[in-house]
Structure formats: C-alpha cells, structure tokens
Amino acid sequence: MEEIGFMCARCGGEVHDVTHNREGSLDGVGYRHNRRVEPWDHELELAVGEPSPGEPACDFCGADGPTWLYYPTLDPEDTDMFEVELDTTHLSDDDTAVAVLNMLYPWYACDTCSVLVADRQVDVLISRALERTPVPEDVDVDEDTVRARLRGSLSVFFTTRPGRPQPSRAV
C-alpha cells in the first residue's frame, strides 16, 4: 500500500504544508502543490489520498526528461540560523514560503535551461517557462504574478546552488 497524504484532487499531485513564521511566531499554515512554482493553470483542491508521482521534468521550463540535477548547498540542520538573499518583491506570504522551501530540494534542468543557468540568464529562464506554459486568460492569476513567483524561486535557486550540476541519471 502506498503512503496516504495530501494531494490535489484536480491534478493528483503531491501537496506540502507550508508554515508561515514571522519573528518566532506561527502566523498560519497553508497548503501548496509540491512544485517549484504553484501551477497557474488551476487552484489547489486539497484532498487526502495517494498522490501520483509525476515523471521528473525540468524545474525551470517543464520540459520532459531533464538531464541535469542541482543539489542544494545549504543544510539547515547544520546550523540554527542561515540567511538567504531572496527577492520577495510582489510575492505573497504563501509564495515567499514556497520559494524558501525550494532551497531544500534538488532542482532538475533540461540541457537548454542548464546553459541558461550557467549564464545566469534569469529573464530568459522566466520567458522560456512562460513560452512553454503560457498563463491562461481564464485563471485568477495574471502573468505579472507568475513572473514574480518565478523570479522569487529563481533568486533562492541562485543563492543556494552556485556549483555545477550533476547528470540526473545519478539520482
């Protein structure tokens, strides 16, 4: 039997709980898709069940069959305090919390995005993600919000993964 947990009833994807802490106090708990950026094609429909494991995809643009893996360089268990330079401009508390969670997990990249990462082409990475997955007109989020979410997640990525990627087949 698979492990039962939180999932999205709409897409079947895994869901994580996100705690919001400000200066030592718990402000609340929310739930988000277990993805680099909350999907903009649908709202989370929280359910309990067996989340379906998705095939690895590029965490930058969503392309299938990523060939590179970036491991986190920070280990929050090694220290009680660590700081990350995070661009939270135009990010909600939920989006900021998800961006911070991104520092704890490895990131997959396709060949194209790996080159863009090496060249630190943040704006091109954002444009590529939006070209591959445009923001639909009939959703509650606009393209400016999606761009802010991507910029926030990428600022965490570049702060916590300055090294070279590993081939993803090593996973």
N, C-alpha and C. Protein backbone atom coordinates (compact mmCIF):
# COMPACT_ATOMS: atom_id res chain seq x y z
N MET A 1 0.84 -1.18 0.00
CA MET A 1 0.00 0.00 0.00
C MET A 1 0.88 1.24 0.00
N GLU A 2 0.54 2.20 -0.84
CA GLU A 2 1.27 3.46 -0.91
C GLU A 2 0.95 4.32 0.31
N GLU A 3 1.78 5.31 0.51
CA GLU A 3 1.59 6.21 1.63
C GLU A 3 0.50 7.23 1.31
N ILE A 4 -0.46 7.35 2.21
CA ILE A 4 -1.54 8.31 2.02
C ILE A 4 -1.09 9.65 2.57
N GLY A 5 -1.42 10.71 1.86
CA GLY A 5 -1.04 12.05 2.28
C GLY A 5 -1.91 13.08 1.59
N PHE A 6 -1.49 14.32 1.67
CA PHE A 6 -2.24 15.37 1.00
C PHE A 6 -1.94 15.35 -0.50
N MET A 7 -2.96 15.65 -1.27
CA MET A 7 -2.83 15.68 -2.72
C MET A 7 -3.80 16.71 -3.28
N CYS A 8 -3.63 17.05 -4.54
CA CYS A 8 -4.57 17.92 -5.23
C CYS A 8 -5.58 17.03 -5.94
N ALA A 9 -6.85 17.22 -5.64
CA ALA A 9 -7.89 16.40 -6.26
C ALA A 9 -7.97 16.67 -7.76
N ARG A 10 -7.54 17.83 -8.20
CA ARG A 10 -7.65 18.18 -9.62
C ARG A 10 -6.57 17.52 -10.47
N CYS A 11 -5.30 17.57 -10.00
CA CYS A 11 -4.21 17.04 -10.83
C CYS A 11 -3.58 15.76 -10.26
N GLY A 12 -3.93 15.40 -9.02
CA GLY A 12 -3.36 14.21 -8.41
C GLY A 12 -1.96 14.40 -7.86
N GLY A 13 -1.44 15.62 -7.93
CA GLY A 13 -0.08 15.90 -7.48
C GLY A 13 0.05 15.98 -5.97
N GLU A 14 1.26 15.77 -5.49
CA GLU A 14 1.56 15.83 -4.06
C GLU A 14 1.44 17.27 -3.56
N VAL A 15 1.02 17.39 -2.31
CA VAL A 15 0.83 18.70 -1.68
C VAL A 15 1.67 18.74 -0.41
N HIS A 16 2.28 19.88 -0.14
CA HIS A 16 3.05 20.10 1.09
C HIS A 16 2.36 21.15 1.94
N ASP A 17 2.53 21.00 3.26
CA ASP A 17 2.05 22.06 4.14
C ASP A 17 3.15 23.11 4.28
N VAL A 18 2.75 24.34 4.40
CA VAL A 18 3.67 25.46 4.46
C VAL A 18 3.33 26.27 5.70
N THR A 19 4.27 26.39 6.63
CA THR A 19 4.02 27.21 7.82
C THR A 19 4.56 28.60 7.58
N HIS A 20 3.86 29.57 8.09
CA HIS A 20 4.25 30.97 7.95
C HIS A 20 4.72 31.47 9.32
N ASN A 21 6.00 31.75 9.42
CA ASN A 21 6.57 32.24 10.67
C ASN A 21 7.12 33.63 10.49
N ARG A 22 6.83 34.48 11.42
CA ARG A 22 7.38 35.84 11.42
C ARG A 22 7.93 36.10 12.82
N GLU A 23 9.23 36.29 12.89
CA GLU A 23 9.89 36.65 14.15
C GLU A 23 9.49 35.74 15.31
N GLY A 24 9.57 34.45 15.10
CA GLY A 24 9.37 33.48 16.17
C GLY A 24 7.94 33.11 16.46
N SER A 25 6.96 33.61 15.71
CA SER A 25 5.57 33.24 15.97
C SER A 25 4.98 32.57 14.73
N LEU A 26 4.09 31.63 14.97
CA LEU A 26 3.43 30.92 13.89
C LEU A 26 2.23 31.74 13.44
N ASP A 27 2.27 32.20 12.20
CA ASP A 27 1.18 33.02 11.67
C ASP A 27 0.08 32.18 11.02
N GLY A 28 0.42 30.98 10.58
CA GLY A 28 -0.59 30.15 9.94
C GLY A 28 0.03 29.01 9.17
N VAL A 29 -0.81 28.14 8.67
CA VAL A 29 -0.38 27.00 7.87
C VAL A 29 -1.20 27.01 6.59
N GLY A 30 -0.53 26.80 5.48
CA GLY A 30 -1.21 26.71 4.19
C GLY A 30 -0.78 25.45 3.48
N TYR A 31 -1.38 25.20 2.34
CA TYR A 31 -1.05 24.01 1.55
C TYR A 31 -0.77 24.44 0.13
N ARG A 32 0.26 23.84 -0.48
CA ARG A 32 0.70 24.19 -1.83
C ARG A 32 1.05 22.93 -2.60
N HIS A 33 0.96 23.01 -3.92
CA HIS A 33 1.46 21.93 -4.77
C HIS A 33 2.95 21.74 -4.49
N ASN A 34 3.43 20.52 -4.63
CA ASN A 34 4.85 20.24 -4.44
C ASN A 34 5.57 20.48 -5.77
N ARG A 35 5.60 21.73 -6.17
CA ARG A 35 6.27 22.12 -7.41
C ARG A 35 7.05 23.39 -7.13
N ARG A 36 7.97 23.71 -8.03
CA ARG A 36 8.80 24.90 -7.83
C ARG A 36 7.97 26.17 -7.74
N VAL A 37 6.97 26.28 -8.58
CA VAL A 37 6.06 27.42 -8.56
C VAL A 37 4.65 26.86 -8.59
N GLU A 38 3.78 27.38 -7.74
CA GLU A 38 2.40 26.91 -7.72
C GLU A 38 1.85 26.99 -9.15
N PRO A 39 1.23 25.90 -9.64
CA PRO A 39 0.71 25.93 -11.02
C PRO A 39 -0.28 27.07 -11.21
N TRP A 40 -0.18 27.71 -12.35
CA TRP A 40 -1.10 28.82 -12.60
C TRP A 40 -2.28 28.39 -13.45
N ASP A 41 -2.34 27.10 -13.84
CA ASP A 41 -3.47 26.67 -14.66
C ASP A 41 -4.66 26.20 -13.84
N HIS A 42 -4.47 25.99 -12.52
CA HIS A 42 -5.60 25.63 -11.66
C HIS A 42 -5.27 25.89 -10.19
N GLU A 43 -6.31 26.12 -9.41
CA GLU A 43 -6.17 26.30 -7.97
C GLU A 43 -6.01 24.93 -7.32
N LEU A 44 -5.35 24.89 -6.20
CA LEU A 44 -5.20 23.66 -5.43
C LEU A 44 -6.56 23.23 -4.88
N GLU A 45 -6.90 21.97 -5.08
CA GLU A 45 -8.10 21.39 -4.49
C GLU A 45 -7.63 20.31 -3.52
N LEU A 46 -7.48 20.69 -2.26
CA LEU A 46 -6.89 19.83 -1.24
C LEU A 46 -7.74 18.58 -1.00
N ALA A 47 -7.07 17.43 -0.98
CA ALA A 47 -7.73 16.15 -0.72
C ALA A 47 -6.73 15.25 -0.01
N VAL A 48 -7.21 14.17 0.58
CA VAL A 48 -6.36 13.16 1.20
C VAL A 48 -6.43 11.92 0.34
N GLY A 49 -5.26 11.35 0.05
CA GLY A 49 -5.21 10.16 -0.79
C GLY A 49 -3.79 9.80 -1.13
N GLU A 50 -3.63 9.04 -2.19
CA GLU A 50 -2.31 8.63 -2.65
C GLU A 50 -1.91 9.52 -3.83
N PRO A 51 -1.03 10.49 -3.58
CA PRO A 51 -0.60 11.36 -4.68
C PRO A 51 0.09 10.54 -5.76
N SER A 52 -0.14 10.92 -7.00
CA SER A 52 0.51 10.21 -8.10
C SER A 52 1.89 10.81 -8.35
N PRO A 53 2.91 9.97 -8.31
CA PRO A 53 4.25 10.51 -8.56
C PRO A 53 4.39 10.88 -10.03
N GLY A 54 4.81 12.10 -10.25
CA GLY A 54 4.99 12.54 -11.63
C GLY A 54 6.38 12.18 -12.13
N GLU A 55 6.49 12.14 -13.44
CA GLU A 55 7.81 11.93 -14.04
C GLU A 55 8.63 13.19 -13.84
N PRO A 56 9.94 13.05 -13.64
CA PRO A 56 10.76 14.25 -13.50
C PRO A 56 10.64 15.14 -14.73
N ALA A 57 10.56 16.43 -14.48
CA ALA A 57 10.52 17.43 -15.55
C ALA A 57 11.46 18.55 -15.16
N CYS A 58 11.86 19.34 -16.12
CA CYS A 58 12.72 20.48 -15.86
C CYS A 58 11.99 21.43 -14.92
N ASP A 59 12.62 21.77 -13.80
CA ASP A 59 12.00 22.66 -12.83
C ASP A 59 12.02 24.12 -13.28
N PHE A 60 12.68 24.39 -14.39
CA PHE A 60 12.75 25.76 -14.91
C PHE A 60 11.69 26.00 -15.98
N CYS A 61 11.53 25.03 -16.90
CA CYS A 61 10.61 25.25 -18.02
C CYS A 61 9.54 24.17 -18.16
N GLY A 62 9.67 23.07 -17.43
CA GLY A 62 8.69 22.00 -17.51
C GLY A 62 8.93 20.96 -18.58
N ALA A 63 10.06 21.04 -19.30
CA ALA A 63 10.35 20.06 -20.36
C ALA A 63 10.52 18.66 -19.76
N ASP A 64 10.08 17.66 -20.50
CA ASP A 64 10.23 16.27 -20.07
C ASP A 64 11.69 15.83 -20.17
N GLY A 65 12.05 14.81 -19.38
CA GLY A 65 13.36 14.19 -19.48
C GLY A 65 14.53 15.10 -19.14
N PRO A 66 14.53 15.73 -17.97
CA PRO A 66 15.66 16.60 -17.62
C PRO A 66 16.94 15.79 -17.51
N THR A 67 18.05 16.41 -17.87
CA THR A 67 19.33 15.69 -17.90
C THR A 67 20.30 16.16 -16.83
N TRP A 68 19.96 17.21 -16.09
CA TRP A 68 20.86 17.77 -15.08
C TRP A 68 20.15 17.94 -13.76
N LEU A 69 20.93 17.83 -12.68
CA LEU A 69 20.37 17.93 -11.33
C LEU A 69 21.26 18.85 -10.50
N TYR A 70 20.64 19.82 -9.85
CA TYR A 70 21.36 20.75 -8.97
C TYR A 70 20.99 20.42 -7.53
N TYR A 71 21.99 20.03 -6.74
CA TYR A 71 21.74 19.72 -5.35
C TYR A 71 21.83 20.98 -4.50
N PRO A 72 21.07 21.05 -3.41
CA PRO A 72 21.17 22.22 -2.53
C PRO A 72 22.55 22.28 -1.89
N THR A 73 23.05 23.48 -1.66
CA THR A 73 24.34 23.64 -1.00
C THR A 73 24.19 24.07 0.45
N LEU A 74 22.95 24.31 0.89
CA LEU A 74 22.70 24.66 2.28
C LEU A 74 22.11 23.47 3.00
N ASP A 75 22.54 23.23 4.21
CA ASP A 75 21.95 22.19 5.04
C ASP A 75 21.43 22.86 6.30
N PRO A 76 20.11 23.12 6.38
CA PRO A 76 19.58 23.84 7.53
C PRO A 76 19.77 23.10 8.85
N GLU A 77 20.07 21.79 8.81
CA GLU A 77 20.29 21.06 10.05
C GLU A 77 21.69 21.29 10.61
N ASP A 78 22.60 21.84 9.78
CA ASP A 78 23.95 22.13 10.26
C ASP A 78 24.03 23.36 11.13
N THR A 79 23.04 24.20 11.07
CA THR A 79 23.07 25.45 11.82
C THR A 79 21.66 25.84 12.23
N ASP A 80 21.58 26.59 13.31
CA ASP A 80 20.27 27.06 13.76
C ASP A 80 19.75 28.22 12.91
N MET A 81 20.67 28.98 12.35
CA MET A 81 20.29 30.16 11.57
C MET A 81 21.05 30.15 10.25
N PHE A 82 20.37 30.43 9.18
CA PHE A 82 21.05 30.68 7.91
C PHE A 82 20.23 31.71 7.16
N GLU A 83 20.91 32.50 6.36
CA GLU A 83 20.24 33.59 5.65
C GLU A 83 20.34 33.36 4.15
N VAL A 84 19.27 33.71 3.47
CA VAL A 84 19.22 33.61 2.02
C VAL A 84 18.76 34.96 1.49
N GLU A 85 19.46 35.45 0.49
CA GLU A 85 19.04 36.69 -0.15
C GLU A 85 17.91 36.37 -1.11
N LEU A 86 16.71 36.81 -0.79
CA LEU A 86 15.52 36.44 -1.53
C LEU A 86 14.80 37.68 -2.03
N ASP A 87 14.53 37.73 -3.32
CA ASP A 87 13.76 38.82 -3.90
C ASP A 87 12.28 38.53 -3.70
N THR A 88 11.66 39.13 -2.68
CA THR A 88 10.25 38.88 -2.37
C THR A 88 9.34 39.98 -2.91
N THR A 89 9.88 40.84 -3.76
CA THR A 89 9.08 41.90 -4.35
C THR A 89 7.86 41.29 -5.04
N HIS A 90 6.70 41.77 -4.71
CA HIS A 90 5.43 41.34 -5.31
C HIS A 90 5.05 39.90 -4.97
N LEU A 91 5.66 39.30 -3.95
CA LEU A 91 5.29 37.94 -3.56
C LEU A 91 4.39 37.96 -2.33
N SER A 92 3.36 37.13 -2.34
CA SER A 92 2.52 36.97 -1.16
C SER A 92 3.28 36.15 -0.12
N ASP A 93 2.74 36.06 1.11
CA ASP A 93 3.37 35.23 2.14
C ASP A 93 3.45 33.78 1.69
N ASP A 94 2.39 33.27 1.04
CA ASP A 94 2.40 31.88 0.55
C ASP A 94 3.50 31.67 -0.47
N ASP A 95 3.61 32.59 -1.43
CA ASP A 95 4.63 32.45 -2.47
C ASP A 95 6.03 32.56 -1.90
N THR A 96 6.22 33.43 -0.90
CA THR A 96 7.52 33.56 -0.25
C THR A 96 7.89 32.26 0.47
N ALA A 97 6.93 31.67 1.18
CA ALA A 97 7.18 30.42 1.89
C ALA A 97 7.56 29.31 0.93
N VAL A 98 6.89 29.23 -0.21
CA VAL A 98 7.21 28.20 -1.20
C VAL A 98 8.60 28.44 -1.78
N ALA A 99 8.93 29.69 -2.06
CA ALA A 99 10.26 30.00 -2.59
C ALA A 99 11.34 29.57 -1.62
N VAL A 100 11.11 29.78 -0.33
CA VAL A 100 12.10 29.37 0.68
C VAL A 100 12.20 27.85 0.74
N LEU A 101 11.07 27.15 0.65
CA LEU A 101 11.10 25.68 0.65
C LEU A 101 11.93 25.14 -0.51
N ASN A 102 11.98 25.88 -1.61
CA ASN A 102 12.72 25.43 -2.79
C ASN A 102 14.20 25.22 -2.51
N MET A 103 14.73 25.85 -1.47
CA MET A 103 16.16 25.71 -1.20
C MET A 103 16.49 24.32 -0.63
N LEU A 104 15.51 23.58 -0.18
CA LEU A 104 15.76 22.30 0.48
C LEU A 104 15.74 21.11 -0.46
N TYR A 105 15.32 21.29 -1.69
CA TYR A 105 15.15 20.17 -2.61
C TYR A 105 16.03 20.35 -3.84
N PRO A 106 16.46 19.24 -4.45
CA PRO A 106 17.23 19.36 -5.70
C PRO A 106 16.35 19.87 -6.83
N TRP A 107 16.97 20.51 -7.80
CA TRP A 107 16.27 21.03 -8.98
C TRP A 107 16.75 20.27 -10.22
N TYR A 108 15.81 19.89 -11.08
CA TYR A 108 16.12 19.28 -12.37
C TYR A 108 16.20 20.37 -13.44
N ALA A 109 17.05 20.15 -14.45
CA ALA A 109 17.15 21.09 -15.58
C ALA A 109 17.33 20.32 -16.88
N CYS A 110 16.70 20.82 -17.94
CA CYS A 110 16.95 20.29 -19.28
C CYS A 110 18.27 20.90 -19.78
N ASP A 111 18.75 20.43 -20.93
CA ASP A 111 20.01 20.95 -21.46
C ASP A 111 19.95 22.46 -21.70
N THR A 112 18.87 22.93 -22.31
CA THR A 112 18.75 24.36 -22.61
C THR A 112 18.76 25.20 -21.34
N CYS A 113 17.96 24.82 -20.37
CA CYS A 113 17.90 25.61 -19.12
C CYS A 113 19.21 25.52 -18.34
N SER A 114 19.91 24.40 -18.43
CA SER A 114 21.19 24.28 -17.74
C SER A 114 22.20 25.30 -18.29
N VAL A 115 22.18 25.53 -19.59
CA VAL A 115 23.05 26.54 -20.18
C VAL A 115 22.63 27.93 -19.71
N LEU A 116 21.32 28.19 -19.68
CA LEU A 116 20.82 29.49 -19.20
C LEU A 116 21.17 29.71 -17.73
N VAL A 117 21.14 28.64 -16.93
CA VAL A 117 21.53 28.73 -15.52
C VAL A 117 23.01 29.08 -15.42
N ALA A 118 23.84 28.40 -16.20
CA ALA A 118 25.28 28.67 -16.16
C ALA A 118 25.58 30.12 -16.52
N ASP A 119 24.78 30.69 -17.42
CA ASP A 119 24.96 32.08 -17.82
C ASP A 119 24.17 33.05 -16.95
N ARG A 120 23.44 32.52 -15.96
CA ARG A 120 22.63 33.32 -15.03
C ARG A 120 21.64 34.23 -15.77
N GLN A 121 20.97 33.65 -16.75
CA GLN A 121 20.00 34.38 -17.57
C GLN A 121 18.59 34.25 -16.98
N VAL A 122 18.35 34.93 -15.86
CA VAL A 122 17.08 34.82 -15.14
C VAL A 122 15.90 35.23 -16.03
N ASP A 123 16.01 36.36 -16.71
CA ASP A 123 14.89 36.83 -17.53
C ASP A 123 14.59 35.86 -18.68
N VAL A 124 15.62 35.26 -19.25
CA VAL A 124 15.41 34.30 -20.34
C VAL A 124 14.78 33.01 -19.79
N LEU A 125 15.20 32.58 -18.61
CA LEU A 125 14.57 31.40 -17.98
C LEU A 125 13.09 31.65 -17.73
N ILE A 126 12.75 32.85 -17.25
CA ILE A 126 11.34 33.19 -17.00
C ILE A 126 10.56 33.22 -18.31
N SER A 127 11.13 33.84 -19.33
CA SER A 127 10.45 33.89 -20.64
C SER A 127 10.25 32.49 -21.21
N ARG A 128 11.27 31.62 -21.06
CA ARG A 128 11.17 30.25 -21.57
C ARG A 128 10.04 29.50 -20.85
N ALA A 129 9.97 29.65 -19.53
CA ALA A 129 8.91 28.98 -18.77
C ALA A 129 7.53 29.44 -19.23
N LEU A 130 7.38 30.73 -19.49
CA LEU A 130 6.08 31.26 -19.91
C LEU A 130 5.76 30.93 -21.37
N GLU A 131 6.78 30.76 -22.20
CA GLU A 131 6.54 30.33 -23.58
C GLU A 131 6.05 28.88 -23.60
N ARG A 132 6.65 28.04 -22.77
CA ARG A 132 6.28 26.61 -22.74
C ARG A 132 4.94 26.40 -22.04
N THR A 133 4.63 27.24 -21.03
CA THR A 133 3.38 27.13 -20.30
C THR A 133 2.80 28.54 -20.12
N PRO A 134 2.10 29.03 -21.12
CA PRO A 134 1.53 30.38 -21.01
C PRO A 134 0.45 30.43 -19.93
N VAL A 135 0.27 31.61 -19.37
CA VAL A 135 -0.77 31.80 -18.36
C VAL A 135 -2.12 31.91 -19.09
N PRO A 136 -3.06 30.99 -18.79
CA PRO A 136 -4.37 31.06 -19.45
C PRO A 136 -5.12 32.34 -19.04
N GLU A 137 -6.00 32.80 -19.89
CA GLU A 137 -6.76 34.01 -19.60
C GLU A 137 -7.84 33.80 -18.56
N ASP A 138 -8.30 32.56 -18.38
CA ASP A 138 -9.44 32.30 -17.51
C ASP A 138 -9.04 31.82 -16.11
N VAL A 139 -7.87 32.24 -15.61
CA VAL A 139 -7.45 31.86 -14.26
C VAL A 139 -7.32 33.12 -13.41
N ASP A 140 -7.25 32.92 -12.09
CA ASP A 140 -7.24 34.04 -11.15
C ASP A 140 -5.90 34.76 -11.05
N VAL A 141 -4.85 34.22 -11.64
CA VAL A 141 -3.52 34.81 -11.52
C VAL A 141 -3.12 35.41 -12.87
N ASP A 142 -2.43 36.55 -12.82
CA ASP A 142 -2.01 37.17 -14.07
C ASP A 142 -0.53 36.91 -14.32
N GLU A 143 -0.06 37.27 -15.52
CA GLU A 143 1.31 36.97 -15.90
C GLU A 143 2.32 37.69 -15.02
N ASP A 144 2.01 38.90 -14.56
CA ASP A 144 2.94 39.62 -13.67
C ASP A 144 3.16 38.87 -12.37
N THR A 145 2.09 38.28 -11.83
CA THR A 145 2.21 37.50 -10.59
C THR A 145 3.05 36.25 -10.83
N VAL A 146 2.83 35.58 -11.96
CA VAL A 146 3.61 34.39 -12.30
C VAL A 146 5.08 34.76 -12.45
N ARG A 147 5.36 35.86 -13.12
CA ARG A 147 6.75 36.31 -13.27
C ARG A 147 7.38 36.58 -11.90
N ALA A 148 6.63 37.19 -10.98
CA ALA A 148 7.15 37.46 -9.63
C ALA A 148 7.43 36.16 -8.90
N ARG A 149 6.55 35.16 -9.04
CA ARG A 149 6.77 33.86 -8.41
C ARG A 149 8.02 33.19 -8.95
N LEU A 150 8.16 33.22 -10.28
CA LEU A 150 9.35 32.62 -10.89
C LEU A 150 10.62 33.34 -10.44
N ARG A 151 10.59 34.66 -10.42
CA ARG A 151 11.77 35.43 -10.00
C ARG A 151 12.13 35.11 -8.55
N GLY A 152 11.13 34.99 -7.66
CA GLY A 152 11.38 34.64 -6.27
C GLY A 152 12.01 33.26 -6.13
N SER A 153 11.47 32.28 -6.84
CA SER A 153 12.03 30.93 -6.78
C SER A 153 13.44 30.88 -7.35
N LEU A 154 13.65 31.59 -8.45
CA LEU A 154 14.99 31.60 -9.06
C LEU A 154 16.00 32.34 -8.19
N SER A 155 15.57 33.35 -7.45
CA SER A 155 16.52 34.04 -6.56
C SER A 155 17.00 33.10 -5.47
N VAL A 156 16.09 32.24 -4.96
CA VAL A 156 16.52 31.22 -3.98
C VAL A 156 17.46 30.23 -4.65
N PHE A 157 17.11 29.78 -5.84
CA PHE A 157 17.95 28.81 -6.54
C PHE A 157 19.37 29.34 -6.69
N PHE A 158 19.53 30.53 -7.23
CA PHE A 158 20.87 31.06 -7.49
C PHE A 158 21.64 31.37 -6.21
N THR A 159 20.93 31.63 -5.13
CA THR A 159 21.60 31.89 -3.85
C THR A 159 22.10 30.59 -3.22
N THR A 160 21.38 29.49 -3.44
CA THR A 160 21.71 28.25 -2.73
C THR A 160 22.37 27.18 -3.59
N ARG A 161 22.55 27.41 -4.89
CA ARG A 161 23.15 26.42 -5.78
C ARG A 161 24.16 27.06 -6.73
N PRO A 162 25.27 27.53 -6.20
CA PRO A 162 26.24 28.18 -7.08
C PRO A 162 27.13 27.21 -7.85
N GLY A 163 27.09 25.94 -7.52
CA GLY A 163 28.00 24.98 -8.13
C GLY A 163 27.51 24.42 -9.45
N ARG A 164 28.24 23.44 -9.94
CA ARG A 164 27.90 22.79 -11.21
C ARG A 164 26.86 21.71 -10.99
N PRO A 165 26.04 21.44 -12.02
CA PRO A 165 25.03 20.38 -11.90
C PRO A 165 25.66 19.01 -12.05
N GLN A 166 24.91 18.02 -11.61
CA GLN A 166 25.28 16.61 -11.78
C GLN A 166 24.35 16.02 -12.84
N PRO A 167 24.82 15.01 -13.59
CA PRO A 167 23.89 14.34 -14.51
C PRO A 167 22.72 13.77 -13.73
N SER A 168 21.50 13.92 -14.24
CA SER A 168 20.32 13.49 -13.48
C SER A 168 20.23 11.97 -13.38
N ARG A 169 20.92 11.25 -14.22
CA ARG A 169 20.88 9.78 -14.12
C ARG A 169 21.55 9.29 -12.84
N ALA A 170 22.26 10.17 -12.14
CA ALA A 170 22.92 9.79 -10.89
C ALA A 170 21.94 9.68 -9.74
N VAL A 171 20.68 10.10 -9.95
CA VAL A 171 19.68 10.06 -8.88
C VAL A 171 19.24 8.64 -8.62
